[in-house]
Structures are given as structure tokens and as C-alpha cells.
Amino acid sequence: VLQKYNKIREELRREVYEILGDDGILLFPTHPDSCVKL
């Protein structure tokens, strides 16, 4: 199971790195909610 998820992570990492290139950025929300209860 660990190997399966590590493989998925590595594939995603390669894809994201390829999309970003050497000078790209990605903007992503920090959290889906603006106020989270304790």
C-alpha cells in the first residue's frame, strides 16, 4: 500500500514540476473556509 501511494505521489510530483517549469507559479487557496471553529 505504501509503495502504491509513493508511486502516485512521484507521478504527481513529476507532472506538477513539468507544469511549473523553471519559472512558473501556482496560486492555490490556503483553506476552503475563511473561519474554522476550534
All heavy atoms as atom14 arrays in JSON, in Angstrom:
{
  "sequence": "VLQKYNKIREELRREVYEILGDDGILLFPTHPDSCVKL",
  "atom14_mask": [
    [1, 1, 1, 1, 1, 1, 1, 0, 0, 0, 0, 0, 0, 0],
    [1, 1, 1, 1, 1, 1, 1, 1, 0, 0, 0, 0, 0, 0],
    [1, 1, 1, 1, 1, 1, 1, 1, 1, 0, 0, 0, 0, 0],
    [1, 1, 1, 1, 1, 1, 1, 1, 1, 0, 0, 0, 0, 0],
    [1, 1, 1, 1, 1, 1, 1, 1, 1, 1, 1, 1, 0, 0],
    [1, 1, 1, 1, 1, 1, 1, 1, 0, 0, 0, 0, 0, 0],
    [1, 1, 1, 1, 1, 1, 1, 1, 1, 0, 0, 0, 0, 0],
    [1, 1, 1, 1, 1, 1, 1, 1, 0, 0, 0, 0, 0, 0],
    [1, 1, 1, 1, 1, 1, 1, 1, 1, 1, 1, 0, 0, 0],
    [1, 1, 1, 1, 1, 1, 1, 1, 1, 0, 0, 0, 0, 0],
    [1, 1, 1, 1, 1, 1, 1, 1, 1, 0, 0, 0, 0, 0],
    [1, 1, 1, 1, 1, 1, 1, 1, 0, 0, 0, 0, 0, 0],
    [1, 1, 1, 1, 1, 1, 1, 1, 1, 1, 1, 0, 0, 0],
    [1, 1, 1, 1, 1, 1, 1, 1, 1, 1, 1, 0, 0, 0],
    [1, 1, 1, 1, 1, 1, 1, 1, 1, 0, 0, 0, 0, 0],
    [1, 1, 1, 1, 1, 1, 1, 0, 0, 0, 0, 0, 0, 0],
    [1, 1, 1, 1, 1, 1, 1, 1, 1, 1, 1, 1, 0, 0],
    [1, 1, 1, 1, 1, 1, 1, 1, 1, 0, 0, 0, 0, 0],
    [1, 1, 1, 1, 1, 1, 1, 1, 0, 0, 0, 0, 0, 0],
    [1, 1, 1, 1, 1, 1, 1, 1, 0, 0, 0, 0, 0, 0],
    [1, 1, 1, 1, 0, 0, 0, 0, 0, 0, 0, 0, 0, 0],
    [1, 1, 1, 1, 1, 1, 1, 1, 0, 0, 0, 0, 0, 0],
    [1, 1, 1, 1, 1, 1, 1, 1, 0, 0, 0, 0, 0, 0],
    [1, 1, 1, 1, 0, 0, 0, 0, 0, 0, 0, 0, 0, 0],
    [1, 1, 1, 1, 1, 1, 1, 1, 0, 0, 0, 0, 0, 0],
    [1, 1, 1, 1, 1, 1, 1, 1, 0, 0, 0, 0, 0, 0],
    [1, 1, 1, 1, 1, 1, 1, 1, 0, 0, 0, 0, 0, 0],
    [1, 1, 1, 1, 1, 1, 1, 1, 1, 1, 1, 0, 0, 0],
    [1, 1, 1, 1, 1, 1, 1, 0, 0, 0, 0, 0, 0, 0],
    [1, 1, 1, 1, 1, 1, 1, 0, 0, 0, 0, 0, 0, 0],
    [1, 1, 1, 1, 1, 1, 1, 1, 1, 1, 0, 0, 0, 0],
    [1, 1, 1, 1, 1, 1, 1, 0, 0, 0, 0, 0, 0, 0],
    [1, 1, 1, 1, 1, 1, 1, 1, 0, 0, 0, 0, 0, 0],
    [1, 1, 1, 1, 1, 1, 0, 0, 0, 0, 0, 0, 0, 0],
    [1, 1, 1, 1, 1, 1, 0, 0, 0, 0, 0, 0, 0, 0],
    [1, 1, 1, 1, 1, 1, 1, 0, 0, 0, 0, 0, 0, 0],
    [1, 1, 1, 1, 1, 1, 1, 1, 1, 0, 0, 0, 0, 0],
    [1, 1, 1, 1, 1, 1, 1, 1, 0, 0, 0, 0, 0, 0]
  ],
  "atom14_positions": [
    [[0.85, -1.2, 0.0], [0.0, 0.0, 0.0], [0.88, 1.24, 0.0], [0.64, 2.2, -0.74], [-0.96, -0.01, 1.21], [-1.71, 1.31, 1.31], [-1.92, -1.18, 1.12], [0.0, 0.0, 0.0], [0.0, 0.0, 0.0], [0.0, 0.0, 0.0], [0.0, 0.0, 0.0], [0.0, 0.0, 0.0], [0.0, 0.0, 0.0], [0.0, 0.0, 0.0]],
    [[1.9, 1.24, 0.83], [2.83, 2.36, 0.89], [3.51, 2.58, -0.45], [3.62, 3.71, -0.93], [3.86, 2.1, 1.99], [4.8, 3.24, 2.34], [4.02, 4.46, 2.79], [5.76, 2.8, 3.43], [0.0, 0.0, 0.0], [0.0, 0.0, 0.0], [0.0, 0.0, 0.0], [0.0, 0.0, 0.0], [0.0, 0.0, 0.0], [0.0, 0.0, 0.0]],
    [[3.95, 1.52, -1.1], [4.58, 1.63, -2.41], [3.62, 2.19, -3.45], [4.0, 3.01, -4.29], [5.12, 0.28, -2.86], [6.34, -0.17, -2.11], [6.81, -1.56, -2.52], [6.22, -2.19, -3.38], [7.88, -2.02, -1.89], [0.0, 0.0, 0.0], [0.0, 0.0, 0.0], [0.0, 0.0, 0.0], [0.0, 0.0, 0.0], [0.0, 0.0, 0.0]],
    [[2.37, 1.77, -3.39], [1.36, 2.27, -4.33], [1.21, 3.79, -4.2], [1.24, 4.51, -5.19], [0.02, 1.58, -4.06], [-1.14, 2.14, -4.84], [-2.45, 1.52, -4.39], [-3.61, 2.27, -4.96], [-4.89, 1.8, -4.42], [0.0, 0.0, 0.0], [0.0, 0.0, 0.0], [0.0, 0.0, 0.0], [0.0, 0.0, 0.0], [0.0, 0.0, 0.0]],
    [[1.08, 4.27, -2.96], [0.88, 5.7, -2.76], [2.15, 6.51, -3.04], [2.09, 7.64, -3.51], [0.32, 5.99, -1.37], [-1.13, 5.61, -1.28], [-1.56, 4.58, -0.44], [-2.09, 6.25, -2.06], [-2.9, 4.22, -0.38], [-3.42, 5.89, -2.01], [-3.82, 4.88, -1.17], [-5.13, 4.52, -1.11], [0.0, 0.0, 0.0], [0.0, 0.0, 0.0]],
    [[3.31, 5.94, -2.76], [4.55, 6.61, -3.11], [4.69, 6.76, -4.62], [5.15, 7.78, -5.11], [5.76, 5.87, -2.54], [5.97, 6.15, -1.07], [5.54, 7.19, -0.57], [6.6, 5.23, -0.37], [0.0, 0.0, 0.0], [0.0, 0.0, 0.0], [0.0, 0.0, 0.0], [0.0, 0.0, 0.0], [0.0, 0.0, 0.0], [0.0, 0.0, 0.0]],
    [[4.25, 5.75, -5.36], [4.29, 5.81, -6.83], [3.35, 6.91, -7.34], [3.71, 7.7, -8.2], [3.92, 4.46, -7.43], [3.99, 4.43, -8.93], [3.61, 3.08, -9.49], [3.66, 3.15, -11.0], [2.98, 2.05, -11.63], [0.0, 0.0, 0.0], [0.0, 0.0, 0.0], [0.0, 0.0, 0.0], [0.0, 0.0, 0.0], [0.0, 0.0, 0.0]],
    [[2.16, 6.98, -6.78], [1.21, 8.02, -7.17], [1.78, 9.4, -6.86], [1.69, 10.32, -7.68], [-0.15, 7.81, -6.44], [-0.83, 6.55, -6.97], [-1.05, 9.03, -6.61], [-2.04, 6.12, -6.16], [0.0, 0.0, 0.0], [0.0, 0.0, 0.0], [0.0, 0.0, 0.0], [0.0, 0.0, 0.0], [0.0, 0.0, 0.0], [0.0, 0.0, 0.0]],
    [[2.39, 9.55, -5.68], [2.98, 10.83, -5.3], [4.09, 11.22, -6.27], [4.17, 12.38, -6.71], [3.53, 10.79, -3.88], [4.12, 12.14, -3.45], [4.87, 12.07, -2.16], [6.04, 11.23, -2.34], [6.61, 10.54, -1.38], [6.11, 10.57, -0.17], [7.66, 9.8, -1.61], [0.0, 0.0, 0.0], [0.0, 0.0, 0.0], [0.0, 0.0, 0.0]],
    [[4.94, 10.28, -6.64], [6.04, 10.58, -7.56], [5.52, 10.98, -8.93], [6.06, 11.89, -9.57], [7.01, 9.4, -7.66], [7.83, 9.2, -6.41], [8.58, 10.45, -5.99], [9.2, 11.11, -6.85], [8.54, 10.79, -4.79], [0.0, 0.0, 0.0], [0.0, 0.0, 0.0], [0.0, 0.0, 0.0], [0.0, 0.0, 0.0], [0.0, 0.0, 0.0]],
    [[4.48, 10.31, -9.41], [3.88, 10.66, -10.7], [3.29, 12.07, -10.66], [3.48, 12.86, -11.58], [2.8, 9.64, -11.09], [3.35, 8.28, -11.46], [2.26, 7.23, -11.62], [1.05, 7.57, -11.52], [2.62, 6.06, -11.85], [0.0, 0.0, 0.0], [0.0, 0.0, 0.0], [0.0, 0.0, 0.0], [0.0, 0.0, 0.0], [0.0, 0.0, 0.0]],
    [[2.59, 12.38, -9.58], [2.01, 13.72, -9.43], [3.1, 14.77, -9.33], [3.02, 15.84, -9.92], [1.09, 13.77, -8.22], [0.4, 15.11, -7.96], [-0.45, 15.54, -9.16], [-0.47, 15.01, -6.7], [0.0, 0.0, 0.0], [0.0, 0.0, 0.0], [0.0, 0.0, 0.0], [0.0, 0.0, 0.0], [0.0, 0.0, 0.0], [0.0, 0.0, 0.0]],
    [[4.16, 14.46, -8.57], [5.27, 15.39, -8.43], [5.89, 15.7, -9.79], [6.12, 16.86, -10.13], [6.33, 14.84, -7.49], [7.46, 15.83, -7.25], [8.58, 15.27, -6.41], [8.09, 14.84, -5.12], [8.75, 14.03, -4.31], [9.92, 13.55, -4.65], [8.25, 13.69, -3.15], [0.0, 0.0, 0.0], [0.0, 0.0, 0.0], [0.0, 0.0, 0.0]],
    [[6.15, 14.68, -10.6], [6.72, 14.9, -11.93], [5.8, 15.77, -12.79], [6.25, 16.68, -13.48], [6.99, 13.56, -12.63], [8.29, 12.91, -12.22], [8.65, 11.76, -13.14], [7.7, 10.65, -13.09], [7.72, 9.68, -12.19], [8.63, 9.65, -11.25], [6.83, 8.71, -12.22], [0.0, 0.0, 0.0], [0.0, 0.0, 0.0], [0.0, 0.0, 0.0]],
    [[4.5, 15.49, -12.72], [3.54, 16.25, -13.51], [3.51, 17.72, -13.08], [3.53, 18.63, -13.91], [2.15, 15.63, -13.39], [1.12, 16.25, -14.29], [-0.22, 15.54, -14.21], [-0.25, 14.33, -13.91], [-1.23, 16.2, -14.46], [0.0, 0.0, 0.0], [0.0, 0.0, 0.0], [0.0, 0.0, 0.0], [0.0, 0.0, 0.0], [0.0, 0.0, 0.0]],
    [[3.47, 17.96, -11.78], [3.43, 19.33, -11.26], [4.71, 20.05, -11.62], [4.69, 21.21, -12.05], [3.16, 19.34, -9.74], [3.41, 20.71, -9.14], [1.74, 18.89, -9.46], [0.0, 0.0, 0.0], [0.0, 0.0, 0.0], [0.0, 0.0, 0.0], [0.0, 0.0, 0.0], [0.0, 0.0, 0.0], [0.0, 0.0, 0.0], [0.0, 0.0, 0.0]],
    [[5.87, 19.41, -11.44], [7.15, 20.04, -11.77], [7.21, 20.39, -13.26], [7.72, 21.44, -13.64], [8.32, 19.12, -11.43], [8.62, 18.97, -9.96], [7.75, 19.44, -8.96], [9.78, 18.34, -9.54], [8.04, 19.28, -7.63], [10.07, 18.18, -8.19], [9.2, 18.64, -7.24], [9.48, 18.5, -5.91], [0.0, 0.0, 0.0], [0.0, 0.0, 0.0]],
    [[6.67, 19.51, -14.09], [6.67, 19.77, -15.54], [5.79, 20.97, -15.87], [6.16, 21.84, -16.66], [6.18, 18.54, -16.3], [6.22, 18.68, -17.8], [5.75, 17.41, -18.5], [6.13, 16.31, -18.07], [5.0, 17.54, -19.48], [0.0, 0.0, 0.0], [0.0, 0.0, 0.0], [0.0, 0.0, 0.0], [0.0, 0.0, 0.0], [0.0, 0.0, 0.0]],
    [[4.63, 21.05, -15.25], [3.72, 22.17, -15.47], [4.34, 23.48, -15.01], [4.28, 24.49, -15.69], [2.37, 21.91, -14.76], [1.61, 20.79, -15.47], [1.53, 23.19, -14.71], [0.4, 20.28, -14.7], [0.0, 0.0, 0.0], [0.0, 0.0, 0.0], [0.0, 0.0, 0.0], [0.0, 0.0, 0.0], [0.0, 0.0, 0.0], [0.0, 0.0, 0.0]],
    [[4.98, 23.46, -13.83], [5.57, 24.68, -13.28], [6.81, 25.13, -14.05], [7.08, 26.33, -14.14], [5.93, 24.48, -11.8], [4.75, 24.38, -10.84], [5.23, 23.98, -9.46], [3.98, 25.68, -10.79], [0.0, 0.0, 0.0], [0.0, 0.0, 0.0], [0.0, 0.0, 0.0], [0.0, 0.0, 0.0], [0.0, 0.0, 0.0], [0.0, 0.0, 0.0]],
    [[7.55, 24.2, -14.59], [8.77, 24.57, -15.29], [9.74, 25.26, -14.34], [9.63, 25.14, -13.12], [0.0, 0.0, 0.0], [0.0, 0.0, 0.0], [0.0, 0.0, 0.0], [0.0, 0.0, 0.0], [0.0, 0.0, 0.0], [0.0, 0.0, 0.0], [0.0, 0.0, 0.0], [0.0, 0.0, 0.0], [0.0, 0.0, 0.0], [0.0, 0.0, 0.0]],
    [[10.68, 26.0, -14.91], [11.7, 26.65, -14.08], [11.26, 27.98, -13.49], [11.87, 28.47, -12.55], [12.98, 26.87, -14.9], [13.65, 25.55, -15.23], [13.5, 24.6, -14.44], [14.32, 25.48, -16.28], [0.0, 0.0, 0.0], [0.0, 0.0, 0.0], [0.0, 0.0, 0.0], [0.0, 0.0, 0.0], [0.0, 0.0, 0.0], [0.0, 0.0, 0.0]],
    [[10.19, 28.57, -14.05], [9.8, 29.89, -13.56], [8.3, 30.05, -13.36], [7.8, 31.15, -13.26], [10.32, 30.98, -14.49], [9.78, 30.83, -15.91], [9.02, 29.87, -16.19], [10.11, 31.68, -16.75], [0.0, 0.0, 0.0], [0.0, 0.0, 0.0], [0.0, 0.0, 0.0], [0.0, 0.0, 0.0], [0.0, 0.0, 0.0], [0.0, 0.0, 0.0]],
    [[7.58, 28.94, -13.27], [6.13, 29.02, -13.09], [5.73, 29.03, -11.64], [6.48, 28.61, -10.75], [0.0, 0.0, 0.0], [0.0, 0.0, 0.0], [0.0, 0.0, 0.0], [0.0, 0.0, 0.0], [0.0, 0.0, 0.0], [0.0, 0.0, 0.0], [0.0, 0.0, 0.0], [0.0, 0.0, 0.0], [0.0, 0.0, 0.0], [0.0, 0.0, 0.0]],
    [[4.54, 29.55, -11.38], [3.97, 29.53, -10.04], [2.52, 29.05, -10.13], [1.89, 29.13, -11.19], [4.0, 30.91, -9.34], [3.2, 31.93, -10.13], [5.42, 31.38, -9.09], [2.69, 33.06, -9.28], [0.0, 0.0, 0.0], [0.0, 0.0, 0.0], [0.0, 0.0, 0.0], [0.0, 0.0, 0.0], [0.0, 0.0, 0.0], [0.0, 0.0, 0.0]],
    [[2.03, 28.56, -9.04], [0.65, 28.12, -8.92], [0.06, 28.84, -7.72], [0.68, 28.9, -6.66], [0.6, 26.61, -8.7], [-0.74, 25.97, -8.37], [-1.71, 26.11, -9.54], [-0.55, 24.5, -8.02], [0.0, 0.0, 0.0], [0.0, 0.0, 0.0], [0.0, 0.0, 0.0], [0.0, 0.0, 0.0], [0.0, 0.0, 0.0], [0.0, 0.0, 0.0]],
    [[-1.11, 29.4, -7.89], [-1.84, 30.03, -6.78], [-2.92, 29.07, -6.34], [-3.67, 28.55, -7.16], [-2.45, 31.36, -7.22], [-1.49, 32.41, -7.74], [-2.25, 33.64, -8.2], [-0.47, 32.78, -6.67], [0.0, 0.0, 0.0], [0.0, 0.0, 0.0], [0.0, 0.0, 0.0], [0.0, 0.0, 0.0], [0.0, 0.0, 0.0], [0.0, 0.0, 0.0]],
    [[-2.98, 28.84, -5.03], [-3.95, 27.88, -4.52], [-4.46, 28.37, -3.17], [-3.68, 28.9, -2.37], [-3.27, 26.5, -4.35], [-4.22, 25.35, -4.37], [-4.71, 24.87, -5.57], [-4.62, 24.75, -3.19], [-5.59, 23.8, -5.59], [-5.5, 23.69, -3.2], [-5.98, 23.2, -4.4], [0.0, 0.0, 0.0], [0.0, 0.0, 0.0], [0.0, 0.0, 0.0]],
    [[-5.74, 28.2, -2.88], [-6.25, 28.63, -1.58], [-5.51, 27.95, -0.44], [-5.04, 26.82, -0.58], [-7.72, 28.19, -1.59], [-8.05, 27.95, -3.02], [-6.77, 27.57, -3.71], [0.0, 0.0, 0.0], [0.0, 0.0, 0.0], [0.0, 0.0, 0.0], [0.0, 0.0, 0.0], [0.0, 0.0, 0.0], [0.0, 0.0, 0.0], [0.0, 0.0, 0.0]],
    [[-5.41, 28.62, 0.67], [-4.8, 28.03, 1.85], [-5.75, 27.06, 2.53], [-5.35, 26.02, 3.02], [-4.41, 29.14, 2.85], [-3.59, 30.08, 2.17], [-3.68, 28.58, 4.03], [0.0, 0.0, 0.0], [0.0, 0.0, 0.0], [0.0, 0.0, 0.0], [0.0, 0.0, 0.0], [0.0, 0.0, 0.0], [0.0, 0.0, 0.0], [0.0, 0.0, 0.0]],
    [[-7.01, 27.41, 2.52], [-8.03, 26.61, 3.21], [-9.36, 26.9, 2.54], [-9.59, 28.0, 2.06], [-8.06, 27.03, 4.69], [-8.64, 26.0, 5.59], [-9.99, 25.92, 5.85], [-8.07, 24.99, 6.29], [-10.22, 24.92, 6.69], [-9.07, 24.34, 6.97], [0.0, 0.0, 0.0], [0.0, 0.0, 0.0], [0.0, 0.0, 0.0], [0.0, 0.0, 0.0]],
    [[-10.28, 25.93, 2.5], [-11.56, 26.17, 1.84], [-12.51, 27.08, 2.61], [-13.45, 27.62, 2.05], [-12.16, 24.78, 1.69], [-11.54, 23.99, 2.79], [-10.16, 24.56, 2.96], [0.0, 0.0, 0.0], [0.0, 0.0, 0.0], [0.0, 0.0, 0.0], [0.0, 0.0, 0.0], [0.0, 0.0, 0.0], [0.0, 0.0, 0.0], [0.0, 0.0, 0.0]],
    [[-12.25, 27.25, 3.9], [-13.12, 28.09, 4.73], [-12.32, 29.26, 5.27], [-11.14, 29.14, 5.57], [-13.65, 27.29, 5.93], [-14.44, 26.07, 5.49], [-15.26, 26.2, 4.56], [-14.25, 24.99, 6.09], [0.0, 0.0, 0.0], [0.0, 0.0, 0.0], [0.0, 0.0, 0.0], [0.0, 0.0, 0.0], [0.0, 0.0, 0.0], [0.0, 0.0, 0.0]],
    [[-12.98, 30.4, 5.42], [-12.28, 31.55, 5.97], [-12.29, 31.54, 7.49], [-11.49, 32.21, 8.12], [-12.89, 32.85, 5.45], [-14.26, 32.89, 5.75], [0.0, 0.0, 0.0], [0.0, 0.0, 0.0], [0.0, 0.0, 0.0], [0.0, 0.0, 0.0], [0.0, 0.0, 0.0], [0.0, 0.0, 0.0], [0.0, 0.0, 0.0], [0.0, 0.0, 0.0]],
    [[-13.19, 30.8, 8.09], [-13.23, 30.74, 9.55], [-13.49, 29.3, 9.97], [-14.52, 28.73, 9.64], [-14.33, 31.64, 10.09], [-14.41, 31.64, 11.89], [0.0, 0.0, 0.0], [0.0, 0.0, 0.0], [0.0, 0.0, 0.0], [0.0, 0.0, 0.0], [0.0, 0.0, 0.0], [0.0, 0.0, 0.0], [0.0, 0.0, 0.0], [0.0, 0.0, 0.0]],
    [[-12.55, 28.74, 10.67], [-12.67, 27.37, 11.13], [-12.8, 27.37, 12.64], [-11.99, 27.96, 13.34], [-11.43, 26.54, 10.71], [-11.57, 25.11, 11.17], [-11.24, 26.61, 9.22], [0.0, 0.0, 0.0], [0.0, 0.0, 0.0], [0.0, 0.0, 0.0], [0.0, 0.0, 0.0], [0.0, 0.0, 0.0], [0.0, 0.0, 0.0], [0.0, 0.0, 0.0]],
    [[-13.86, 26.73, 13.11], [-14.06, 26.66, 14.55], [-12.98, 25.78, 15.18], [-12.45, 24.86, 14.55], [-15.44, 26.1, 14.86], [-16.52, 27.06, 14.46], [-17.86, 26.58, 14.92], [-18.82, 27.7, 14.8], [-19.91, 27.67, 14.05], [0.0, 0.0, 0.0], [0.0, 0.0, 0.0], [0.0, 0.0, 0.0], [0.0, 0.0, 0.0], [0.0, 0.0, 0.0]],
    [[-12.66, 26.05, 16.41], [-11.66, 25.3, 17.15], [-11.96, 23.8, 17.07], [-13.1, 23.39, 17.28], [-11.64, 25.75, 18.61], [-10.61, 25.1, 19.5], [-9.19, 25.44, 19.01], [-10.78, 25.55, 20.93], [0.0, 0.0, 0.0], [0.0, 0.0, 0.0], [0.0, 0.0, 0.0], [0.0, 0.0, 0.0], [0.0, 0.0, 0.0], [0.0, 0.0, 0.0]]
  ]
}
